[in-house]
Structures are given as C-alpha cells and as structure tokens.
Amino acid sequence: YIPPFRSLGSVRIALQMEDGSRLQGSFSSGQSLWDLLTHFPQTRCVLFTISV
C-alpha cells in the first residue's frame, strides 16, 4: 500500500550543465521530470535535438 501524497509542496531544483553552469527553478513536487527538463530553454533545445 502506497499512501497518497498529503501535500504537494514546492521544491527548488538545480541542474548542472556540462559547462559548469547551473539552471535553477522552483517546481511543484507533483511535476514530472519531463516538465522540469522542458522548463529551461537550454535543456529544451538539447532534448528536442536528441528526440528527432
């Protein structure tokens, strides 16, 4: 049995890029990894290049 989420709070996420820079943002804890990655224009460009 997995209990349902009691609250969907906000989390701060930082992604470290290959060049050493970091992308940071606040997200709902209920958002998916895809939502997080497509939020940043820098990662969106890379993701769509890989998927084509």
C-alpha atoms as a PDB file:
ATOM      1  CA  TYR A   1       0.000   0.000   0.000  1.00  0.00           C
ATOM      2  CA  ILE A   2       1.355   3.388  -1.005  1.00  0.00           C
ATOM      3  CA  PRO A   3      -0.388   6.273   0.742  1.00  0.00           C
ATOM      4  CA  PRO A   4      -1.385   9.244  -1.431  1.00  0.00           C
ATOM      5  CA  PHE A   5       0.545  12.496  -1.254  1.00  0.00           C
ATOM      6  CA  ARG A   6      -0.659  14.564   1.669  1.00  0.00           C
ATOM      7  CA  SER A   7       0.548  17.860   0.242  1.00  0.00           C
ATOM      8  CA  LEU A   8       2.124  18.977  -2.960  1.00  0.00           C
ATOM      9  CA  GLY A   9       4.730  21.467  -1.859  1.00  0.00           C
ATOM     10  CA  SER A  10       7.298  23.411  -3.763  1.00  0.00           C
ATOM     11  CA  VAL A  11      10.855  22.181  -4.305  1.00  0.00           C
ATOM     12  CA  ARG A  12      13.922  24.012  -5.591  1.00  0.00           C
ATOM     13  CA  ILE A  13      15.829  22.140  -8.291  1.00  0.00           C
ATOM     14  CA  ALA A  14      19.270  22.884  -9.763  1.00  0.00           C
ATOM     15  CA  LEU A  15      20.614  21.211 -12.900  1.00  0.00           C
ATOM     16  CA  GLN A  16      24.360  21.368 -13.533  1.00  0.00           C
ATOM     17  CA  MET A  17      25.186  21.738 -17.196  1.00  0.00           C
ATOM     18  CA  GLU A  18      28.275  20.300 -18.936  1.00  0.00           C
ATOM     19  CA  ASP A  19      29.933  23.739 -19.000  1.00  0.00           C
ATOM     20  CA  GLY A  20      29.625  24.032 -15.207  1.00  0.00           C
ATOM     21  CA  SER A  21      26.730  26.495 -15.206  1.00  0.00           C
ATOM     22  CA  ARG A  22      23.596  25.746 -13.178  1.00  0.00           C
ATOM     23  CA  LEU A  23      19.956  26.168 -14.027  1.00  0.00           C
ATOM     24  CA  GLN A  24      17.707  26.668 -11.008  1.00  0.00           C
ATOM     25  CA  GLY A  25      13.977  26.866 -10.545  1.00  0.00           C
ATOM     26  CA  SER A  26      11.119  26.190  -8.160  1.00  0.00           C
ATOM     27  CA  PHE A  27       8.685  23.440  -9.074  1.00  0.00           C
ATOM     28  CA  SER A  28       5.658  21.728  -7.604  1.00  0.00           C
ATOM     29  CA  SER A  29       6.604  18.378  -6.097  1.00  0.00           C
ATOM     30  CA  GLY A  30       3.889  16.845  -8.301  1.00  0.00           C
ATOM     31  CA  GLN A  31       5.546  17.855 -11.581  1.00  0.00           C
ATOM     32  CA  SER A  32       7.220  15.251 -13.768  1.00  0.00           C
ATOM     33  CA  LEU A  33      10.885  15.085 -14.735  1.00  0.00           C
ATOM     34  CA  TRP A  34       9.858  15.950 -18.302  1.00  0.00           C
ATOM     35  CA  ASP A  35       8.113  19.119 -17.040  1.00  0.00           C
ATOM     36  CA  LEU A  36      11.280  20.111 -15.209  1.00  0.00           C
ATOM     37  CA  LEU A  37      13.607  19.475 -18.169  1.00  0.00           C
ATOM     38  CA  THR A  38      11.405  21.271 -20.699  1.00  0.00           C
ATOM     39  CA  HIS A  39      11.026  24.279 -18.383  1.00  0.00           C
ATOM     40  CA  PHE A  40      14.537  25.524 -19.194  1.00  0.00           C
ATOM     41  CA  PRO A  41      15.148  26.725 -22.792  1.00  0.00           C
ATOM     42  CA  GLN A  42      18.757  25.431 -22.643  1.00  0.00           C
ATOM     43  CA  THR A  43      17.666  21.839 -21.940  1.00  0.00           C
ATOM     44  CA  ARG A  44      14.588  22.028 -24.179  1.00  0.00           C
ATOM     45  CA  CYS A  45      16.806  22.620 -27.226  1.00  0.00           C
ATOM     46  CA  VAL A  46      19.005  19.600 -26.386  1.00  0.00           C
ATOM     47  CA  LEU A  47      16.014  17.335 -25.656  1.00  0.00           C
ATOM     48  CA  PHE A  48      14.288  18.084 -28.941  1.00  0.00           C
ATOM     49  CA  THR A  49      17.525  17.607 -30.908  1.00  0.00           C
ATOM     50  CA  ILE A  50      18.006  14.163 -29.334  1.00  0.00           C
ATOM     51  CA  SER A  51      14.388  13.082 -29.948  1.00  0.00           C
ATOM     52  CA  VAL A  52      14.429  13.956 -33.679  1.00  0.00           C
END
